[in-house]
Protein backbone atom coordinates (compact mmCIF):
# COMPACT_ATOMS: atom_id res chain seq x y z
CA MET A 1 24.43 -6.10 -20.37
CA THR A 2 24.61 -7.47 -23.98
CA SER A 3 27.38 -5.94 -26.02
CA ARG A 4 26.93 -2.88 -27.99
CA LYS A 5 26.95 -3.13 -31.90
CA TYR A 6 27.78 0.45 -32.77
CA PHE A 7 28.95 2.27 -29.86
CA GLY A 8 32.82 1.79 -28.64
CA THR A 9 34.56 3.56 -25.75
CA ASP A 10 33.81 7.16 -27.12
CA GLY A 11 30.31 7.04 -29.13
CA ILE A 12 30.37 5.36 -33.21
CA ARG A 13 33.41 5.24 -35.22
CA GLY A 14 34.76 3.89 -38.33
CA MET A 15 35.60 4.59 -42.10
CA ALA A 16 33.75 6.70 -43.71
CA ASN A 17 30.94 5.72 -46.44
CA ARG A 18 31.99 1.66 -45.45
CA VAL A 19 30.76 1.72 -41.87
CA ILE A 20 29.71 5.33 -40.55
CA THR A 21 27.35 5.61 -43.58
CA PRO A 22 24.47 8.07 -44.37
CA GLU A 23 21.67 5.86 -43.72
CA LEU A 24 23.67 4.96 -40.29
CA ALA A 25 23.91 8.86 -39.77
CA LEU A 26 20.03 9.21 -40.70
CA LYS A 27 19.19 6.27 -38.13
CA VAL A 28 21.38 7.47 -35.94
CA GLY A 29 19.71 10.79 -35.89
CA GLN A 30 16.03 9.37 -35.54
CA ALA A 31 16.59 7.00 -32.55
CA ALA A 32 18.78 9.57 -30.57
CA GLY A 33 16.10 12.01 -31.10
CA LEU A 34 12.82 10.11 -30.15
CA ALA A 35 15.07 8.80 -26.85
CA PHE A 36 15.53 12.53 -26.02
CA GLN A 37 12.22 13.66 -26.90
CA ARG A 38 10.80 14.27 -23.64
CA GLY A 39 7.64 16.43 -23.20
CA ASP A 40 6.02 18.32 -25.31
CA HIS A 41 8.25 21.39 -25.99
CA ALA A 42 9.66 21.92 -29.02
CA HIS A 43 12.98 20.20 -28.85
CA ARG A 44 16.32 21.32 -30.10
CA VAL A 45 19.55 19.35 -31.33
CA VAL A 46 23.22 21.33 -31.77
CA ILE A 47 25.43 19.87 -34.23
CA GLY A 48 29.19 20.75 -34.83
CA LYS A 49 31.98 19.06 -36.56
CA ASP A 50 35.40 18.56 -37.07
CA THR A 51 37.21 19.31 -40.87
CA ARG A 52 37.00 16.30 -42.53
CA LEU A 53 35.31 15.98 -46.18
CA SER A 54 32.70 13.07 -45.25
CA GLY A 55 31.59 15.71 -41.99
CA TYR A 56 29.40 17.37 -44.87
CA MET A 57 27.58 13.80 -45.80
CA ILE A 58 27.16 13.10 -42.23
CA GLU A 59 25.82 16.53 -40.67
CA TYR A 60 23.23 16.59 -43.77
CA ALA A 61 21.82 12.79 -43.04
CA MET A 62 21.45 13.43 -39.31
CA VAL A 63 19.56 16.38 -39.89
CA ALA A 64 17.52 14.53 -41.83
CA GLY A 65 16.89 11.77 -39.29
CA PHE A 66 16.60 14.75 -36.64
CA THR A 67 14.05 17.22 -38.07
CA SER A 68 11.77 13.36 -39.63
CA VAL A 69 11.13 12.60 -36.36
CA GLY A 70 10.41 16.00 -35.41
CA MET A 71 13.45 17.69 -33.94
CA ASN A 72 14.61 21.23 -34.66
CA VAL A 73 18.84 21.80 -35.33
CA LEU A 74 21.01 24.09 -34.66
CA LEU A 75 24.19 23.29 -37.01
CA LEU A 76 27.30 24.91 -35.43
CA GLY A 77 30.19 24.08 -38.07
CA PRO A 78 33.51 23.33 -37.24
CA ILE A 79 34.05 23.72 -33.51
CA PRO A 80 35.82 21.54 -30.71
CA THR A 81 33.93 18.90 -29.03
CA PRO A 82 33.81 20.35 -26.03
CA ALA A 83 32.40 23.83 -27.35
CA VAL A 84 29.36 21.36 -28.39
CA ALA A 85 29.29 20.39 -24.93
CA MET A 86 29.12 23.62 -23.37
CA LEU A 87 27.06 25.17 -26.22
CA THR A 88 24.27 21.90 -25.15
CA ARG A 89 24.11 23.21 -22.26
CA SER A 90 24.61 26.92 -22.76
CA LEU A 91 21.57 26.87 -25.86
CA ARG A 92 19.43 24.49 -23.79
CA ALA A 93 19.33 21.59 -26.35
CA ASP A 94 17.79 18.53 -25.54
CA LEU A 95 21.06 17.03 -26.88
CA GLY A 96 24.75 17.84 -28.30
CA VAL A 97 26.22 15.90 -31.38
CA MET A 98 29.52 16.39 -32.81
CA ILE A 99 31.09 14.34 -35.82
CA SER A 100 34.23 13.64 -35.67
CA ALA A 101 36.85 10.72 -35.28
CA SER A 102 39.08 12.44 -32.98
CA HIS A 103 42.98 11.77 -33.82
CA ASN A 104 42.18 9.21 -36.41
CA PRO A 105 43.17 9.66 -40.06
CA PHE A 106 40.58 11.53 -42.30
CA HIS A 107 39.00 8.67 -43.89
CA ASP A 108 37.35 7.73 -40.32
CA ASN A 109 34.98 9.15 -38.53
CA GLY A 110 31.98 9.60 -35.68
CA ILE A 111 29.32 10.22 -34.24
CA LYS A 112 29.43 11.43 -30.22
CA LEU A 113 26.50 12.57 -28.50
CA PHE A 114 25.88 14.50 -25.54
CA GLY A 115 22.94 14.54 -23.48
CA PRO A 116 21.18 18.22 -22.16
CA ASP A 117 23.63 18.28 -19.47
CA GLY A 118 26.34 18.05 -21.62
CA PHE A 119 28.02 14.95 -20.58
CA LYS A 120 28.70 12.07 -22.62
CA LEU A 121 25.69 9.28 -22.54
CA SER A 122 25.16 6.36 -20.40
CA ASP A 123 25.64 3.00 -21.36
CA ASP A 124 22.22 2.15 -20.65
CA VAL A 125 21.48 5.30 -23.05
CA GLU A 126 23.32 4.28 -25.57
CA HIS A 127 21.70 0.36 -25.24
CA GLU A 128 18.55 2.32 -25.48
CA ILE A 129 19.64 4.08 -29.06
CA GLU A 130 20.88 1.20 -30.55
CA ALA A 131 17.87 -0.97 -29.93
CA LEU A 132 16.07 1.99 -31.85
CA ILE A 133 18.49 1.72 -34.45
CA GLY A 134 17.85 -1.54 -34.94
CA SER A 135 13.98 -1.55 -35.21
CA ASP A 136 11.47 -0.30 -37.88
CA LEU A 137 11.10 3.69 -36.68
CA SER A 138 8.72 4.12 -40.14
CA SER A 139 5.49 4.69 -37.44
CA ARG A 140 6.98 7.24 -35.01
CA LEU A 141 8.12 9.82 -37.87
CA SER A 142 6.45 12.92 -37.29
CA ASP A 143 3.25 14.00 -39.45
CA SER A 144 4.10 16.45 -42.11
CA PRO A 145 3.34 19.83 -39.80
CA ALA A 146 5.25 18.86 -37.21
CA LEU A 147 8.10 18.23 -39.00
CA GLY A 148 11.37 19.79 -37.47
CA ARG A 149 13.69 22.81 -38.68
CA ALA A 150 17.35 23.75 -39.14
CA LYS A 151 19.49 26.24 -39.43
CA ARG A 152 22.79 27.72 -38.76
CA VAL A 153 24.13 29.45 -35.38
CA GLU A 154 26.34 32.24 -35.70
CA SER A 155 28.90 33.62 -33.00
CA VAL A 156 29.47 30.30 -31.25
CA HIS A 157 33.16 30.89 -31.82
CA ALA A 158 32.82 33.80 -30.17
CA ARG A 159 30.78 32.41 -27.50
CA TYR A 160 33.41 29.64 -27.11
CA ILE A 161 36.15 31.31 -26.59
CA GLU A 162 34.65 33.80 -23.93
CA PHE A 163 33.73 30.55 -22.26
CA ALA A 164 37.26 29.35 -22.01
CA LYS A 165 39.17 32.79 -21.09
CA ARG A 166 37.51 33.46 -18.58
CA THR A 167 38.88 29.60 -17.04
CA LEU A 168 41.98 31.81 -16.05
CA PRO A 169 42.22 33.54 -12.70
CA ARG A 170 41.08 37.30 -12.23
CA ASN A 171 43.67 39.54 -14.11
CA MET A 172 45.78 37.07 -15.65
CA ASP A 173 46.68 36.97 -19.21
CA LEU A 174 49.34 35.65 -21.41
CA ASP A 175 51.29 38.90 -22.30
CA GLY A 176 54.80 38.24 -22.72
CA LEU A 177 54.60 34.60 -23.59
CA ARG A 178 55.46 33.41 -27.33
CA ILE A 179 53.07 30.55 -27.92
CA VAL A 180 53.36 27.93 -31.35
CA VAL A 181 50.05 26.44 -31.54
CA ASP A 182 49.32 23.09 -33.43
CA CYS A 183 46.40 22.54 -34.36
CA ALA A 184 45.72 19.77 -36.28
CA ASN A 185 43.96 21.18 -39.04
CA GLY A 186 41.30 20.31 -37.32
CA ALA A 187 37.79 22.00 -35.37
CA GLY A 188 39.82 23.76 -33.03
CA TYR A 189 41.91 25.91 -35.90
CA LYS A 190 40.08 29.02 -35.68
CA VAL A 191 39.28 29.20 -31.70
CA ALA A 192 42.46 28.21 -30.24
CA PRO A 193 44.52 30.88 -31.74
CA GLU A 194 41.82 33.60 -31.58
CA ALA A 195 41.91 32.88 -27.53
CA LEU A 196 45.31 32.78 -27.07
CA TRP A 197 45.99 35.63 -29.21
CA GLU A 198 43.25 37.64 -27.52
CA LEU A 199 44.60 36.72 -23.82
CA GLY A 200 47.91 38.63 -25.06
CA ALA A 201 49.79 35.75 -26.01
CA GLU A 202 52.44 36.56 -29.31
CA VAL A 203 50.54 33.11 -31.30
CA VAL A 204 52.30 31.56 -34.22
CA SER A 205 49.77 28.59 -35.60
CA ILE A 206 50.18 25.30 -37.63
CA GLY A 207 47.70 22.96 -38.55
CA VAL A 208 45.36 25.56 -39.22
CA GLU A 209 44.78 25.25 -43.04
CA PRO A 210 42.53 22.26 -43.35
CA ASP A 211 41.36 20.75 -46.84
CA GLY A 212 39.09 18.05 -45.66
CA PHE A 213 42.27 15.34 -45.86
CA ASN A 214 44.74 16.57 -43.93
CA ILE A 215 43.62 16.22 -40.38
CA ASN A 216 46.02 15.11 -37.73
CA ARG A 217 48.40 14.51 -41.18
CA ASP A 218 51.82 14.97 -39.49
CA VAL A 219 50.35 17.43 -37.62
CA GLY A 220 48.42 17.69 -33.70
CA SER A 221 48.55 15.81 -30.42
CA THR A 222 49.80 12.40 -32.09
CA SER A 223 52.34 13.85 -34.36
CA THR A 224 54.43 16.45 -32.30
CA ASP A 225 57.91 16.44 -34.66
CA ALA A 226 56.48 19.46 -36.70
CA LEU A 227 55.51 21.60 -33.33
CA ALA A 228 58.40 20.56 -31.30
CA ARG A 229 60.97 21.57 -34.80
CA LYS A 230 59.24 24.92 -34.64
CA VAL A 231 59.18 25.76 -31.14
CA ARG A 232 63.00 25.59 -31.66
CA GLU A 233 62.99 27.69 -34.43
CA LEU A 234 61.16 30.44 -33.08
CA ARG A 235 62.67 30.08 -29.61
CA ALA A 236 59.04 30.06 -28.21
CA ASP A 237 58.03 29.52 -24.90
CA ILE A 238 56.11 26.77 -25.15
CA GLY A 239 54.12 24.89 -28.24
CA ILE A 240 50.45 23.21 -27.82
CA ALA A 241 49.23 20.65 -29.85
CA LEU A 242 45.71 19.93 -30.15
CA ASP A 243 43.63 16.75 -31.86
CA GLY A 244 41.42 16.59 -34.47
CA ASP A 245 38.42 17.48 -32.09
CA ALA A 246 39.85 19.52 -29.97
CA ASP A 247 39.40 17.33 -26.62
CA ARG A 248 42.98 16.90 -26.04
CA VAL A 249 46.36 18.34 -25.86
CA VAL A 250 49.62 17.63 -25.56
CA ILE A 251 52.56 20.23 -24.54
CA ILE A 252 55.92 21.37 -26.06
CA ASP A 253 58.47 22.70 -24.15
CA GLU A 254 60.91 25.14 -24.76
CA LYS A 255 63.14 22.49 -25.31
CA GLY A 256 61.33 20.55 -28.19
CA GLN A 257 60.59 17.88 -25.15
CA LEU A 258 56.97 15.99 -25.30
CA VAL A 259 54.77 16.97 -21.77
CA ASP A 260 52.46 14.31 -21.71
CA GLY A 261 48.90 13.94 -20.58
CA ASP A 262 50.34 12.43 -16.99
CA GLN A 263 52.45 15.46 -16.26
CA LEU A 264 50.26 18.07 -16.99
CA MET A 265 47.29 16.45 -14.72
CA ALA A 266 50.46 16.59 -12.00
CA VAL A 267 51.11 20.26 -12.67
CA VAL A 268 47.28 21.34 -12.79
CA ALA A 269 46.88 18.74 -9.19
CA ARG A 270 49.95 20.45 -7.49
CA SER A 271 48.25 24.29 -8.28
CA TRP A 272 44.94 23.04 -7.54
CA ARG A 273 46.33 22.10 -4.26
CA ASP A 274 48.06 24.69 -3.02
CA ASP A 275 45.51 27.00 -3.88
CA GLY A 276 42.69 24.97 -1.61
CA ARG A 277 40.57 23.78 -4.96
CA LEU A 278 40.34 20.41 -5.22
CA THR A 279 37.53 18.84 -4.07
CA ARG A 280 39.02 15.65 -3.12
CA PRO A 281 42.75 14.94 -2.21
CA GLY A 282 43.96 13.34 -5.44
CA ILE A 283 42.52 13.37 -9.60
CA VAL A 284 41.39 10.46 -11.56
CA ALA A 285 43.01 9.17 -14.23
CA THR A 286 43.09 5.26 -16.33
CA ILE A 287 44.78 2.18 -16.14
CA MET A 288 47.39 3.44 -18.70
CA SER A 289 48.93 6.32 -16.82
CA ASN A 290 51.95 5.79 -15.21
CA LEU A 291 53.18 4.57 -12.12
CA GLY A 292 55.65 7.68 -11.68
CA LEU A 293 52.16 9.89 -11.86
CA GLU A 294 50.75 7.65 -9.25
CA ARG A 295 53.92 7.95 -7.01
CA HIS A 296 54.70 11.86 -7.05
CA LEU A 297 51.05 12.20 -6.00
CA GLY A 298 51.86 10.24 -3.23
CA ASP A 299 54.38 12.79 -2.11
CA LEU A 300 52.20 15.55 -2.27
CA GLY A 301 49.76 13.55 0.01
CA LEU A 302 47.45 13.03 -3.22
CA THR A 303 45.88 9.49 -4.31
CA LEU A 304 45.45 8.53 -7.75
CA ALA A 305 42.08 6.77 -8.71
CA ARG A 306 42.11 4.62 -11.70
CA THR A 307 39.57 3.80 -14.25
CA ALA A 308 38.96 1.49 -17.55
CA VAL A 309 40.80 3.67 -20.90
CA GLY A 310 38.07 6.48 -22.21
CA ASP A 311 37.53 9.74 -20.63
CA ARG A 312 34.02 9.00 -20.18
CA TYR A 313 34.75 6.43 -17.48
CA VAL A 314 37.41 9.03 -15.49
CA LEU A 315 34.75 11.45 -16.17
CA GLU A 316 31.83 8.72 -14.62
CA HIS A 317 34.24 8.14 -11.42
CA MET A 318 34.67 11.68 -10.74
CA ARG A 319 30.87 12.65 -10.90
CA GLU A 320 30.57 9.81 -8.26
CA HIS A 321 32.71 10.31 -5.94
CA GLY A 322 33.04 13.90 -6.39
CA TYR A 323 36.58 14.86 -8.05
CA ASN A 324 37.00 17.31 -10.07
CA LEU A 325 40.36 16.81 -12.13
CA GLY A 326 40.76 13.61 -13.97
CA GLY A 327 42.45 12.89 -17.18
CA GLU A 328 43.97 10.32 -19.18
CA GLN A 329 48.42 10.31 -20.53
CA SER A 330 47.21 10.93 -24.00
CA GLY A 331 45.98 14.30 -23.50
CA HIS A 332 42.44 14.21 -22.81
CA ILE A 333 41.60 16.48 -19.11
CA ILE A 334 38.68 16.97 -17.37
CA LEU A 335 38.10 19.97 -15.40
CA SER A 336 35.30 19.64 -14.35
CA ASP A 337 34.42 22.87 -12.26
CA TYR A 338 34.43 24.68 -16.16
CA THR A 339 33.34 21.24 -18.24
CA THR A 340 32.02 18.24 -19.07
CA THR A 341 34.45 16.71 -20.90
CA GLY A 342 37.97 16.89 -22.16
CA ASP A 343 38.86 19.96 -23.36
CA GLY A 344 42.29 20.42 -24.90
CA LEU A 345 42.07 24.06 -24.90
CA LEU A 346 41.15 25.00 -21.12
CA ALA A 347 43.70 22.58 -19.68
CA ALA A 348 46.40 23.92 -21.92
CA LEU A 349 44.93 27.69 -20.14
CA GLN A 350 45.57 25.93 -16.68
CA VAL A 351 48.87 25.35 -17.45
CA LEU A 352 49.90 28.18 -19.16
CA ALA A 353 48.68 29.89 -15.70
CA VAL A 354 51.12 28.05 -13.13
CA VAL A 355 53.72 28.88 -16.19
CA LYS A 356 53.27 32.11 -15.65
CA GLN A 357 52.45 32.51 -11.92
CA GLN A 358 55.73 30.61 -11.43
CA GLN A 359 57.79 32.35 -14.14
CA ARG A 360 59.85 29.89 -15.05
CA PRO A 361 60.42 27.85 -18.09
CA VAL A 362 57.70 24.86 -19.18
CA SER A 363 60.62 22.43 -19.13
CA GLU A 364 60.69 23.08 -15.00
CA VAL A 365 56.93 23.90 -14.51
CA CYS A 366 55.99 20.38 -16.29
CA HIS A 367 58.87 17.84 -15.28
CA CYS A 368 57.12 17.37 -12.44
CA PHE A 369 58.62 13.58 -12.00
CA GLU A 370 60.57 10.97 -13.66
CA PRO A 371 58.36 8.08 -15.61
CA LEU A 372 58.57 4.72 -15.49
CA PRO A 373 60.08 2.86 -18.39
CA GLN A 374 56.91 2.01 -19.67
CA ILE A 375 56.31 0.17 -23.10
CA LEU A 376 52.97 -0.07 -25.20
CA LYS A 377 52.39 -2.45 -28.61
CA ASN A 378 49.41 -3.07 -30.51
CA VAL A 379 48.59 -6.74 -32.02
CA ARG A 380 46.29 -6.34 -34.84
CA TYR A 381 44.03 -9.28 -35.13
CA LYS A 382 40.82 -10.19 -37.97
CA SER A 383 38.66 -12.04 -35.75
CA GLY A 384 37.92 -13.86 -32.66
CA GLU A 385 38.77 -13.11 -28.89
CA PRO A 386 42.74 -14.03 -29.06
CA LEU A 387 42.60 -12.96 -25.22
CA SER A 388 41.45 -16.45 -24.74
CA ALA A 389 43.46 -18.69 -25.72
CA GLY A 390 45.44 -20.84 -23.63
CA ASN A 391 49.28 -19.80 -24.80
CA VAL A 392 48.23 -15.97 -23.99
CA VAL A 393 46.85 -16.60 -20.88
CA THR A 394 49.90 -18.45 -19.93
CA ALA A 395 51.89 -15.71 -20.68
CA ILE A 396 49.92 -12.98 -19.27
CA GLU A 397 49.91 -14.70 -15.70
CA ALA A 398 53.53 -15.65 -16.30
CA SER A 399 54.33 -11.61 -16.99
CA ARG A 400 52.68 -10.43 -13.93
CA GLU A 401 54.45 -12.80 -11.72
CA ARG A 402 58.07 -11.60 -13.12
CA LEU A 403 56.64 -8.44 -12.72
CA GLY A 404 55.93 -8.27 -9.17
CA SER A 405 55.15 -5.78 -6.54
CA HIS A 406 57.71 -3.39 -9.06
CA GLY A 407 56.04 -3.06 -12.31
CA ARG A 408 52.26 -3.34 -13.97
CA LEU A 409 51.02 -4.72 -16.90
CA VAL A 410 47.77 -4.09 -18.92
CA ILE A 411 46.28 -5.93 -21.66
CA ARG A 412 43.18 -4.70 -23.17
CA PRO A 413 41.09 -4.63 -26.65
CA SER A 414 40.99 -1.11 -28.26
CA GLY A 415 37.19 0.28 -28.14
CA THR A 416 37.78 2.04 -31.36
CA GLU A 417 39.98 -0.67 -34.05
CA PRO A 418 40.59 -4.43 -34.01
CA VAL A 419 43.89 -4.33 -31.97
CA ILE A 420 45.11 -5.30 -28.32
CA ARG A 421 46.89 -3.55 -26.69
CA VAL A 422 49.86 -4.40 -24.33
CA MET A 423 51.58 -2.37 -22.04
CA ALA A 424 53.98 -2.63 -19.39
CA GLU A 425 55.90 -0.67 -16.99
CA GLY A 426 58.22 -1.08 -14.35
CA ASP A 427 62.27 -0.19 -12.78
CA ASP A 428 63.44 -2.16 -14.90
CA ARG A 429 63.32 -1.49 -18.43
CA ASP A 430 64.87 -4.45 -19.84
CA LEU A 431 62.52 -6.34 -17.96
CA VAL A 432 59.91 -4.34 -18.82
CA GLU A 433 60.25 -5.24 -22.92
CA ARG A 434 60.92 -8.47 -22.14
CA VAL A 435 57.35 -8.92 -20.49
CA VAL A 436 55.89 -7.29 -23.57
CA ASP A 437 57.57 -8.93 -25.99
CA ASP A 438 56.55 -12.34 -24.83
CA VAL A 439 53.15 -11.50 -24.61
CA VAL A 440 52.74 -10.03 -27.82
CA GLU A 441 54.54 -13.21 -29.32
CA ALA A 442 51.62 -15.08 -27.67
CA LEU A 443 49.00 -12.80 -29.28
CA GLN A 444 50.34 -13.19 -32.65
CA SER A 445 50.60 -16.57 -32.77
CA VAL A 446 46.57 -16.90 -32.68
CA ALA A 447 45.43 -13.42 -33.91
CA ALA A 448 46.68 -14.06 -37.59
């Protein structure tokens, strides 16, 4: 299969008005609209977005594209990615679109697509859309009477909040918990605080004043210092940090310490195992999840199946092999009993349910295992394939041999930016550091 020109590991992403241009957004709307026209019914697409300034430009260009091929458009406004997936199914749409670059800075943006079942598209469908983007579609545009219409949908926030609240165990509320929620000035800035408050918590919100430019800036799941300070200042029970499109979450405990996605998966896995809710005796995570998680799950009689990086690959493995819990260290947690993609709010609610049931501090509930020393460094490159260079191959082979059975070395190109990610972990921190530095040095010698 040929390599993809537009789609990366999570949709299409790049700098707004440079890579993600109105012309591209228009073409994606036309191509995706044509790819999902099946049958004679009136086709519809839902479009959500985060809070980036460029969202307006991309949204209206996509509306033009979809309506030009006869699709009706339902505009959701700023709303989390998992809400778009949920509403695609709920509103019986043929296609769902989220305009977001997730945790990236405001100047980037992207386009994520969901099929009518609410799942991200397969590689085959993305290839089909790419082929259409690159072709002349003028002969396939709708006749004037068959053009689509566009309208805004009311009450989408309330629908998603009710959906989220129903995922908690029956008769459970969050009364008595003081929660600081950081919405990254992004897509969850309205729904997340409201849902937590409606469930009975005392809620303090930060990162809820989006201005088009401040999404993910010094806030959110990739920048948790402000949240940690606020949790300690208010003596809160927990801090919840979402990213720009609210499909991932990390936690800050009452001591101000970070709890990553690996620990959160461990919390939910044990709870669901004890309640008999796991559909398989294990979970799915990526090659980046800590070896400590794998060992901890083993002690619980559970397995860890690993996939390539990207929540879509986690979900594909879950669907193929019948798992209902999976995710990534970065905080994408997929609870497939409820949703078809990572959902930061739903994952946080599952952790809060365990905290309420156990009546113990978050630092005790969420510190399930001691992570092995793990070091990740990025090497930026301009062009070419630095991983194929002879000295790089030699350095990688030597490093893997030195780690042996007491650690792991993972080297992979990023799916969203021109960097090579070098990650190693093991029982000996000094050895792990040396291994990463050796590989990074080899890469830097050819990446300039």
